[in-house]
Amino acid sequence: MGIGQSVDKKIKRVYIKYKTEISGTEFYLKVRSGELEANYLHPDLDTILSETNGVFVYQESVMKFLVEIVGYSWEEADQIRSAIAKKKRDVIVSVFDRIRAACSDRRWDRASIEIICQQILAFSSYGFNKSHARAYSELGYITMYLKHHYPLEWWTAELNNSDENKIRHYVTILGDKITPPSLHAPADRFTIVGNRIAAPMSAIKGLGPASIKAIINKGPYFSVEDFIGKMSGGITSSHFWALLKAGVFDEMASKNISMPEARVGFIDLLKKIKKVKTIPSEVSDNSPLNMFLNQRDTYKCFNKALLLDPLIRAEISAIWPSMRETKRNDIPFAFGTAPTIPVIASVAVAEKLLESQERSENTDRIKVAMIGLFHSSSHRSGISKRGKPWSKVDVILSDGISSIECVFWDQKKSLRYPVNSLVYVMGYIKRGWRGSATLDLLEIERLNKFDHLNKKLS
């Protein structure tokens, strides 16, 4: 083996004594836990890296090496430290010739010299000075402790200190831990109410700053009648409709009646107390799907996937008696033992199934069925490079929170379903060109056309 090959091979082994390609982090932790003994590349490093188990952990360690071993002054070493902090690779590499010369004079072998150079270069990608490393570690430990032991308080603080994009992301993670604003404890910030996090009043579209301030100042409210009485001159009927559609009054509903019945009761109270005669059509329709869509469009922190809504699931079960509920949130329904359509699932499941297939390196195509909201479709056609004509319809399907792109090949025209129609699709999951899951469609139908499918699957 030539000296070049020997050097290259040894550079990969950060800690030669153990003859293993262990990372610096692993080595540090194993030495700290007593699994390994500290091992120094050269005796010259014993005093320099004794505090950090033989590993470059802080920028000060590199500075000490440059001063005591290579011969730099502290001022020069600090300039190099600054270059490391700013990841200036050319400055760092320019130091290597002097390191090689100094270490060679101290009788270091060539492999060890090259390893120390590569360690310093690698360190520049993540290294901190000691004060920053300590502060970041302490802050990380504290936040980890709070997130684990006080999750509601931690997430409430995080939501109150995040921008809208982060809040949208967190809402999908937290799911039903976040509720619509509470009239029992109205606030302009995320607050803990019971064992949930209530969104601020500003999460309701249609409420202005003045009406939000009035609702907060006159709260709390113990019933819808109490709210209407206290707010008799502070809000209009349009504000009331916005609160109703967003689900704010739902916490005051009786447990003995269904939510559609409760919504009708809320409307009757407003009509009786405020003498309101005109009811908007989107409010008077209290079907489960319409209630779902109203909340999605009015409540900025909306966090319900379509098939997680129990009322909608009950409606679907009534339409398709052949389906059975699985008691699973990720795959709520199944068609008996029908192998061709194994699941009806929310859109997010497609991504999970695809990731599972990729981890297992399974090449079999995954066929699924979904129920979702029709968003849009567009038709495209053309000629392939081989001269073969093609046509397809691109369809966007939503579960209320996320969306999935579907492709229906060999179709001659766009689908003209109304937006937010409840549709059934069946097809194969695949990875799209943007990296997200897509669906190659085999079937698509509006939900109200499923009598024939019921018979086919029974």
Protein backbone atom coordinates (compact mmCIF):
# COMPACT_ATOMS: atom_id res chain seq x y z
CA MET A 1 0.00 0.00 0.00
CA GLY A 2 1.45 3.41 -1.00
CA ILE A 3 1.84 6.24 1.49
CA GLY A 4 -0.95 8.21 -0.26
CA GLN A 5 -3.40 5.33 0.13
CA SER A 6 -2.34 4.85 3.74
CA VAL A 7 -2.94 8.52 4.55
CA ASP A 8 -6.35 8.54 2.85
CA LYS A 9 -7.41 5.45 4.72
CA LYS A 10 -6.26 6.77 8.08
CA ILE A 11 -7.91 10.18 7.53
CA LYS A 12 -11.26 8.38 7.47
CA ARG A 13 -10.50 6.93 10.88
CA VAL A 14 -10.79 9.95 13.14
CA TYR A 15 -9.56 7.93 16.13
CA ILE A 16 -7.00 5.43 14.88
CA LYS A 17 -6.54 3.56 18.15
CA TYR A 18 -10.00 1.99 17.87
CA LYS A 19 -9.66 1.11 14.15
CA THR A 20 -13.17 2.30 13.41
CA GLU A 21 -14.76 5.10 11.39
CA ILE A 22 -16.46 6.55 14.47
CA SER A 23 -17.57 10.17 14.32
CA GLY A 24 -16.22 12.82 16.66
CA THR A 25 -19.61 13.18 18.34
CA GLU A 26 -19.93 9.44 18.98
CA PHE A 27 -16.36 9.26 20.28
CA TYR A 28 -16.89 12.20 22.65
CA LEU A 29 -20.08 10.69 24.07
CA LYS A 30 -18.59 7.21 24.45
CA VAL A 31 -15.55 8.60 26.30
CA ARG A 32 -17.82 10.70 28.53
CA SER A 33 -19.98 7.67 29.36
CA GLY A 34 -16.91 5.52 30.06
CA GLU A 35 -17.38 3.14 27.12
CA LEU A 36 -14.08 4.23 25.57
CA GLU A 37 -10.87 5.78 26.86
CA ALA A 38 -9.78 9.20 25.60
CA ASN A 39 -7.35 8.71 22.72
CA TYR A 40 -5.21 11.51 21.35
CA LEU A 41 -3.90 11.64 17.83
CA HIS A 42 -0.51 12.74 19.20
CA PRO A 43 0.83 13.33 22.73
CA ASP A 44 1.06 17.06 21.90
CA LEU A 45 -2.74 17.18 22.02
CA ASP A 46 -3.06 15.74 25.54
CA THR A 47 -3.20 19.10 27.30
CA ILE A 48 -5.00 20.92 24.48
CA LEU A 49 -7.94 18.52 24.17
CA SER A 50 -8.03 16.98 27.65
CA GLU A 51 -11.11 19.04 28.59
CA THR A 52 -13.04 17.77 25.57
CA ASN A 53 -12.09 14.07 25.53
CA GLY A 54 -9.67 14.36 22.62
CA VAL A 55 -12.16 16.07 20.28
CA PHE A 56 -12.20 19.61 18.86
CA VAL A 57 -15.41 20.93 20.45
CA TYR A 58 -14.79 24.67 20.82
CA GLN A 59 -13.11 27.26 18.62
CA GLU A 60 -10.82 28.05 21.55
CA SER A 61 -9.38 24.51 21.26
CA VAL A 62 -8.32 25.21 17.67
CA MET A 63 -6.80 28.53 18.73
CA LYS A 64 -4.81 26.83 21.50
CA PHE A 65 -3.53 24.24 19.02
CA LEU A 66 -2.46 26.97 16.57
CA VAL A 67 -0.61 28.89 19.28
CA GLU A 68 1.06 26.10 21.26
CA ILE A 69 1.81 23.64 18.45
CA VAL A 70 1.95 25.65 15.22
CA GLY A 71 3.49 28.85 16.59
CA TYR A 72 0.86 31.48 15.78
CA SER A 73 0.30 34.45 18.07
CA TRP A 74 -3.04 34.73 19.87
CA GLU A 75 -4.00 37.65 17.61
CA GLU A 76 -3.28 35.58 14.49
CA ALA A 77 -5.10 32.57 15.94
CA ASP A 78 -8.15 34.74 16.64
CA GLN A 79 -8.21 35.86 12.99
CA ILE A 80 -8.19 32.21 11.92
CA ARG A 81 -10.95 31.48 14.48
CA SER A 82 -13.02 34.24 12.88
CA ALA A 83 -12.47 32.64 9.47
CA ILE A 84 -13.63 29.29 10.88
CA ALA A 85 -16.76 30.94 12.33
CA LYS A 86 -17.55 32.48 8.93
CA LYS A 87 -16.74 29.20 7.12
CA LYS A 88 -14.05 30.83 4.94
CA ARG A 89 -12.63 27.62 3.53
CA ASP A 90 -9.82 29.30 1.55
CA VAL A 91 -8.43 31.00 4.68
CA ILE A 92 -8.62 27.75 6.66
CA VAL A 93 -6.88 25.73 3.94
CA SER A 94 -4.14 28.35 3.64
CA VAL A 95 -3.11 27.54 7.23
CA PHE A 96 -2.47 23.88 6.44
CA ASP A 97 1.05 24.32 5.02
CA ARG A 98 2.24 25.94 8.26
CA ILE A 99 0.47 23.22 10.31
CA ARG A 100 2.18 20.52 8.25
CA ALA A 101 5.60 22.13 8.68
CA ALA A 102 5.23 22.71 12.44
CA CYS A 103 3.88 19.22 13.16
CA SER A 104 6.53 17.62 10.99
CA ASP A 105 9.22 19.43 13.03
CA ARG A 106 7.61 17.92 16.15
CA ARG A 107 7.97 14.44 14.60
CA TRP A 108 4.29 13.84 13.80
CA ASP A 109 3.76 11.12 11.20
CA ARG A 110 2.29 12.20 7.87
CA ALA A 111 -1.07 10.46 8.39
CA SER A 112 -1.66 12.19 11.75
CA ILE A 113 -0.79 15.58 10.23
CA GLU A 114 -3.34 15.14 7.46
CA ILE A 115 -5.98 13.94 9.92
CA ILE A 116 -5.55 17.05 12.11
CA CYS A 117 -5.94 19.27 9.02
CA GLN A 118 -9.12 17.47 7.99
CA GLN A 119 -10.50 17.63 11.53
CA ILE A 120 -10.05 21.41 11.60
CA LEU A 121 -11.66 21.72 8.16
CA ALA A 122 -14.61 19.56 9.21
CA PHE A 123 -14.90 21.47 12.50
CA SER A 124 -15.39 24.73 10.58
CA SER A 125 -18.79 23.47 9.39
CA TYR A 126 -20.33 23.42 12.86
CA GLY A 127 -17.91 24.78 15.48
CA PHE A 128 -18.83 27.43 18.06
CA ASN A 129 -16.88 29.34 20.64
CA LYS A 130 -17.27 27.99 24.17
CA SER A 131 -19.63 30.71 25.45
CA HIS A 132 -22.04 30.25 22.54
CA ALA A 133 -21.89 26.46 22.72
CA ARG A 134 -22.68 26.53 26.43
CA ALA A 135 -25.53 29.03 26.02
CA TYR A 136 -27.08 27.12 23.10
CA SER A 137 -26.80 23.82 24.97
CA GLU A 138 -28.40 25.25 28.09
CA LEU A 139 -31.22 26.88 26.11
CA GLY A 140 -31.77 23.67 24.13
CA TYR A 141 -31.97 21.60 27.31
CA ILE A 142 -34.41 24.01 28.96
CA THR A 143 -36.74 24.16 25.96
CA MET A 144 -36.61 20.37 25.55
CA TYR A 145 -37.52 19.95 29.24
CA LEU A 146 -40.40 22.42 28.99
CA LYS A 147 -41.72 20.92 25.76
CA HIS A 148 -41.75 17.43 27.31
CA HIS A 149 -43.14 18.25 30.77
CA TYR A 150 -45.32 21.30 29.94
CA PRO A 151 -46.36 20.77 26.30
CA LEU A 152 -49.43 23.03 26.32
CA GLU A 153 -47.54 25.93 27.88
CA TRP A 154 -44.58 25.41 25.57
CA TRP A 155 -46.68 25.27 22.40
CA THR A 156 -48.77 28.26 23.49
CA ALA A 157 -45.62 30.34 23.89
CA GLU A 158 -44.28 29.08 20.55
CA LEU A 159 -47.52 29.93 18.73
CA ASN A 160 -47.61 33.41 20.25
CA ASN A 161 -44.09 34.11 19.02
CA SER A 162 -44.37 32.71 15.47
CA ASP A 163 -45.30 34.22 12.12
CA GLU A 164 -48.34 33.09 10.12
CA ASN A 165 -46.44 30.51 8.05
CA LYS A 166 -45.07 28.78 11.16
CA ILE A 167 -48.47 28.90 12.86
CA ARG A 168 -50.09 27.14 9.87
CA HIS A 169 -47.43 24.43 10.10
CA TYR A 170 -47.76 24.02 13.88
CA VAL A 171 -51.56 23.83 13.60
CA THR A 172 -51.29 20.75 11.38
CA ILE A 173 -48.92 19.14 13.91
CA LEU A 174 -51.05 19.89 16.96
CA GLY A 175 -54.38 18.90 15.39
CA ASP A 176 -57.28 18.99 17.85
CA LYS A 177 -55.05 20.35 20.61
CA ILE A 178 -55.94 23.75 19.11
CA THR A 179 -59.59 24.81 19.34
CA PRO A 180 -61.47 27.83 17.97
CA PRO A 181 -61.40 30.94 20.19
CA SER A 182 -63.15 30.42 23.53
CA LEU A 183 -65.90 32.78 24.68
CA HIS A 184 -65.36 31.42 28.20
CA ALA A 185 -61.91 33.08 28.09
CA PRO A 186 -61.76 35.40 25.03
CA ALA A 187 -58.25 36.68 24.25
CA ASP A 188 -56.14 38.22 21.53
CA ARG A 189 -53.43 35.56 21.96
CA PHE A 190 -53.27 31.77 22.05
CA THR A 191 -54.30 30.73 25.56
CA ILE A 192 -54.77 27.47 27.47
CA VAL A 193 -58.41 26.67 28.16
CA GLY A 194 -58.90 23.36 29.94
CA ASN A 195 -56.64 20.79 28.25
CA ARG A 196 -56.57 22.55 24.87
CA ILE A 197 -55.06 25.67 23.32
CA ALA A 198 -57.69 28.22 22.25
CA ALA A 199 -56.87 30.34 19.22
CA PRO A 200 -57.02 34.16 19.46
CA MET A 201 -60.12 36.07 18.34
CA SER A 202 -58.07 37.44 15.44
CA ALA A 203 -58.15 33.93 13.92
CA ILE A 204 -61.74 34.61 12.80
CA LYS A 205 -62.11 36.17 9.36
CA GLY A 206 -64.71 38.93 9.35
CA LEU A 207 -63.91 40.38 12.78
CA GLY A 208 -62.18 43.75 12.86
CA PRO A 209 -59.91 45.12 15.64
CA ALA A 210 -62.77 47.08 17.25
CA SER A 211 -65.15 44.11 17.45
CA ILE A 212 -62.36 41.83 18.74
CA LYS A 213 -61.51 44.34 21.47
CA ALA A 214 -65.18 44.64 22.46
CA ILE A 215 -65.64 40.85 22.67
CA ILE A 216 -62.54 40.48 24.86
CA ASN A 217 -63.39 43.39 27.17
CA LYS A 218 -66.96 42.23 27.83
CA GLY A 219 -66.13 38.57 28.39
CA PRO A 220 -66.27 35.95 29.72
CA TYR A 221 -69.56 34.58 28.38
CA PHE A 222 -71.46 31.64 29.81
CA SER A 223 -74.06 31.07 27.12
CA VAL A 224 -75.04 32.30 23.68
CA GLU A 225 -77.80 34.38 25.29
CA ASP A 226 -75.21 35.93 27.61
CA PHE A 227 -73.03 36.77 24.64
CA ILE A 228 -75.85 38.33 22.60
CA GLY A 229 -77.01 40.32 25.65
CA LYS A 230 -73.58 41.70 26.54
CA MET A 231 -72.70 42.45 22.92
CA SER A 232 -76.07 43.97 21.96
CA GLY A 233 -74.42 47.15 20.69
CA GLY A 234 -70.93 45.87 20.01
CA ILE A 235 -71.32 43.48 17.08
CA THR A 236 -73.52 43.13 14.02
CA SER A 237 -75.29 40.05 12.72
CA SER A 238 -72.45 39.55 10.21
CA HIS A 239 -70.02 39.28 13.13
CA PHE A 240 -72.35 36.71 14.71
CA TRP A 241 -72.40 34.67 11.48
CA ALA A 242 -68.58 34.74 11.33
CA LEU A 243 -68.34 33.42 14.89
CA LEU A 244 -70.98 30.79 14.18
CA LYS A 245 -69.28 29.52 11.00
CA ALA A 246 -65.90 29.40 12.75
CA GLY A 247 -67.31 27.12 15.45
CA VAL A 248 -66.80 29.57 18.33
CA PHE A 249 -70.25 28.90 19.83
CA ASP A 250 -69.88 25.11 19.66
CA GLU A 251 -68.36 24.91 23.15
CA MET A 252 -71.71 26.19 24.50
CA ALA A 253 -73.80 23.53 22.78
CA SER A 254 -75.75 20.97 24.79
CA LYS A 255 -74.21 17.52 24.84
CA ASN A 256 -77.64 15.98 24.30
CA ILE A 257 -78.19 17.26 20.75
CA SER A 258 -76.23 17.05 17.50
CA MET A 259 -74.14 19.96 16.34
CA PRO A 260 -76.41 20.77 13.35
CA GLU A 261 -79.32 21.02 15.81
CA ALA A 262 -77.26 23.23 18.11
CA ARG A 263 -76.39 25.56 15.21
CA VAL A 264 -80.09 25.92 14.38
CA GLY A 265 -80.72 26.78 18.03
CA PHE A 266 -78.03 29.48 17.98
CA ILE A 267 -79.62 31.05 14.89
CA ASP A 268 -83.08 30.98 16.48
CA LEU A 269 -81.72 32.78 19.54
CA LEU A 270 -80.30 35.58 17.43
CA LYS A 271 -83.55 35.85 15.48
CA LYS A 272 -85.52 36.03 18.72
CA ILE A 273 -83.30 38.44 20.67
CA LYS A 274 -82.00 40.67 17.86
CA LYS A 275 -85.06 40.38 15.60
CA VAL A 276 -82.87 39.25 12.67
CA LYS A 277 -84.99 38.17 9.70
CA THR A 278 -82.47 37.49 6.89
CA ILE A 279 -80.22 34.45 7.30
CA PRO A 280 -77.37 33.96 4.77
CA SER A 281 -77.76 30.75 2.76
CA GLU A 282 -74.32 29.43 3.78
CA VAL A 283 -75.35 29.79 7.44
CA SER A 284 -78.82 28.29 7.13
CA ASP A 285 -77.41 25.13 5.50
CA ASN A 286 -76.24 23.09 8.49
CA SER A 287 -75.32 19.90 6.68
CA PRO A 288 -72.06 18.39 8.02
CA LEU A 289 -70.10 19.12 4.82
CA ASN A 290 -71.28 22.73 4.68
CA MET A 291 -70.39 23.24 8.35
CA PHE A 292 -66.94 21.78 7.62
CA LEU A 293 -66.38 24.09 4.63
CA ASN A 294 -67.67 27.15 6.49
CA GLN A 295 -65.24 26.56 9.34
CA ARG A 296 -62.35 25.98 6.93
CA ASP A 297 -63.06 29.27 5.13
CA THR A 298 -63.69 31.38 8.26
CA TYR A 299 -61.30 30.04 10.89
CA LYS A 300 -57.63 30.76 10.11
CA CYS A 301 -56.35 28.02 12.43
CA PHE A 302 -58.52 25.35 10.83
CA ASN A 303 -57.09 21.92 11.66
CA LYS A 304 -59.57 19.19 10.67
CA ALA A 305 -58.99 16.64 7.94
CA LEU A 306 -62.19 15.76 6.11
CA LEU A 307 -62.52 12.17 7.28
CA LEU A 308 -61.66 13.01 10.89
CA ASP A 309 -64.97 14.86 11.17
CA PRO A 310 -67.35 12.36 12.85
CA LEU A 311 -70.47 13.87 11.23
CA ILE A 312 -69.04 13.52 7.73
CA ARG A 313 -67.86 9.99 8.47
CA ALA A 314 -71.38 9.09 9.61
CA GLU A 315 -72.82 10.49 6.36
CA ILE A 316 -70.35 8.51 4.24
CA SER A 317 -71.10 5.33 6.18
CA ALA A 318 -74.82 5.86 5.52
CA ILE A 319 -74.19 6.27 1.78
CA TRP A 320 -71.91 3.21 1.57
CA PRO A 321 -73.12 0.40 3.87
CA SER A 322 -70.37 -1.88 2.53
CA MET A 323 -67.72 0.22 4.23
CA ARG A 324 -66.58 -0.47 7.75
CA GLU A 325 -64.85 1.91 10.12
CA THR A 326 -61.35 0.83 11.10
CA LYS A 327 -61.14 2.93 14.31
CA ARG A 328 -57.90 4.38 12.91
CA ASN A 329 -57.49 8.10 12.27
CA ASP A 330 -55.02 7.66 9.42
CA ILE A 331 -57.18 5.15 7.51
CA PRO A 332 -60.74 5.63 8.78
CA PHE A 333 -62.54 3.23 6.41
CA ALA A 334 -61.99 -0.06 4.61
CA PHE A 335 -64.01 -2.03 2.06
CA GLY A 336 -64.14 -5.46 3.67
CA THR A 337 -61.50 -7.66 2.04
CA ALA A 338 -61.72 -6.07 -1.41
CA PRO A 339 -58.08 -6.24 -2.59
CA THR A 340 -58.35 -3.66 -5.36
CA ILE A 341 -59.53 -0.82 -3.12
CA PRO A 342 -57.98 -1.43 0.28
CA VAL A 343 -58.54 1.98 1.92
CA ILE A 344 -60.47 5.19 1.80
CA ALA A 345 -58.15 7.64 3.48
CA SER A 346 -57.39 11.30 3.91
CA VAL A 347 -54.85 12.84 1.53
CA ALA A 348 -51.98 12.80 4.06
CA VAL A 349 -52.00 8.97 4.12
CA ALA A 350 -50.75 8.83 0.52
CA GLU A 351 -47.44 10.35 1.57
CA LYS A 352 -47.07 7.96 4.53
CA LEU A 353 -47.79 4.90 2.40
CA LEU A 354 -45.29 6.03 -0.23
CA GLU A 355 -42.58 6.68 2.37
CA SER A 356 -43.19 3.23 3.89
CA GLN A 357 -42.87 1.61 0.46
CA GLU A 358 -39.61 3.45 -0.25
CA ARG A 359 -38.09 2.43 3.09
CA SER A 360 -38.91 -1.22 2.43
CA GLU A 361 -37.75 -0.93 -1.22
CA ASN A 362 -40.99 -2.59 -2.30
CA THR A 363 -41.58 -2.18 -6.04
CA ASP A 364 -45.25 -3.17 -6.04
CA ARG A 365 -47.58 -0.31 -6.94
CA ILE A 366 -49.83 0.86 -4.10
CA LYS A 367 -53.48 1.17 -5.05
CA VAL A 368 -55.70 3.25 -2.77
CA ALA A 369 -59.08 4.89 -2.75
CA MET A 370 -59.72 8.29 -1.22
CA ILE A 371 -62.64 10.54 -0.46
CA GLY A 372 -61.81 14.22 -0.70
CA LEU A 373 -62.85 17.65 -1.85
CA PHE A 374 -62.61 18.42 -5.55
CA HIS A 375 -60.59 21.59 -6.05
CA SER A 376 -59.91 21.97 -9.77
CA SER A 377 -59.07 20.16 -13.01
CA SER A 378 -57.40 21.13 -16.27
CA HIS A 379 -56.97 19.29 -19.57
CA ARG A 380 -53.72 19.02 -21.52
CA SER A 381 -52.68 17.13 -24.64
CA GLY A 382 -49.71 16.85 -26.98
CA ILE A 383 -47.40 14.61 -29.00
CA SER A 384 -44.67 12.52 -27.35
CA LYS A 385 -41.07 12.38 -28.66
CA ARG A 386 -41.99 9.11 -30.37
CA GLY A 387 -44.83 10.79 -32.18
CA LYS A 388 -47.61 9.26 -30.07
CA PRO A 389 -50.48 11.61 -29.10
CA TRP A 390 -51.37 11.90 -25.42
CA SER A 391 -53.96 13.65 -23.31
CA LYS A 392 -54.61 13.92 -19.59
CA VAL A 393 -56.61 15.73 -16.95
CA ASP A 394 -54.79 17.18 -13.94
CA VAL A 395 -56.96 17.12 -10.80
CA ILE A 396 -56.32 18.74 -7.41
CA LEU A 397 -57.91 16.91 -4.48
CA SER A 398 -57.99 18.24 -0.89
CA ASP A 399 -58.75 16.80 2.54
CA GLY A 400 -59.47 20.26 3.94
CA ILE A 401 -55.90 20.94 5.09
CA SER A 402 -53.50 19.46 2.53
CA SER A 403 -53.89 18.71 -1.16
CA ILE A 404 -52.68 16.09 -3.62
CA GLU A 405 -52.17 16.27 -7.37
CA CYS A 406 -53.86 13.57 -9.44
CA VAL A 407 -53.38 12.68 -13.10
CA PHE A 408 -56.13 11.05 -15.16
CA TRP A 409 -54.55 9.84 -18.44
CA ASP A 410 -56.28 9.47 -21.82
CA GLN A 411 -59.09 11.84 -20.89
CA LYS A 412 -60.42 14.22 -23.54
CA LYS A 413 -61.85 17.05 -21.43
CA SER A 414 -61.70 18.62 -17.96
CA LEU A 415 -64.04 17.56 -15.20
CA ARG A 416 -66.75 20.10 -14.50
CA TYR A 417 -67.49 19.22 -10.89
CA PRO A 418 -68.32 22.16 -8.61
CA VAL A 419 -65.47 23.26 -6.34
CA ASN A 420 -65.60 21.46 -2.94
CA SER A 421 -67.67 18.60 -4.35
CA LEU A 422 -67.20 15.44 -2.33
CA VAL A 423 -65.54 12.96 -4.70
CA TYR A 424 -64.25 9.41 -4.67
CA VAL A 425 -60.99 8.56 -6.45
CA MET A 426 -59.06 5.34 -6.89
CA GLY A 427 -55.59 4.95 -8.34
CA TYR A 428 -51.88 4.29 -7.82
CA ILE A 429 -49.63 6.41 -5.59
CA LYS A 430 -46.31 7.55 -7.01
CA ARG A 431 -43.65 10.19 -6.36
CA GLY A 432 -44.30 13.33 -8.42
CA TRP A 433 -41.63 15.37 -10.17
CA ARG A 434 -41.70 17.91 -7.33
CA GLY A 435 -41.04 15.17 -4.79
CA SER A 436 -44.50 15.01 -3.21
CA ALA A 437 -46.93 12.11 -3.54
CA THR A 438 -49.26 12.13 -6.56
CA LEU A 439 -52.01 9.80 -7.75
CA ASP A 440 -52.42 8.16 -11.16
CA LEU A 441 -56.20 7.92 -11.35
CA LEU A 442 -58.15 4.91 -12.49
CA GLU A 443 -61.56 6.16 -11.31
CA ILE A 444 -63.13 9.40 -10.14
CA GLU A 445 -66.77 9.97 -9.26
CA ARG A 446 -68.83 12.46 -7.31
CA LEU A 447 -70.10 10.95 -4.08
CA ASN A 448 -73.78 11.25 -5.02
CA LYS A 449 -73.28 8.85 -7.94
CA PHE A 450 -72.16 5.81 -5.97
CA ASP A 451 -75.14 3.45 -5.94
CA HIS A 452 -73.59 1.28 -8.67
CA LEU A 453 -70.23 1.18 -6.85
CA ASN A 454 -71.87 0.02 -3.67
CA LYS A 455 -73.24 -3.02 -5.45
CA LYS A 456 -69.91 -3.72 -7.13
CA LEU A 457 -67.97 -3.76 -3.85
CA SER A 458 -70.52 -5.60 -1.68
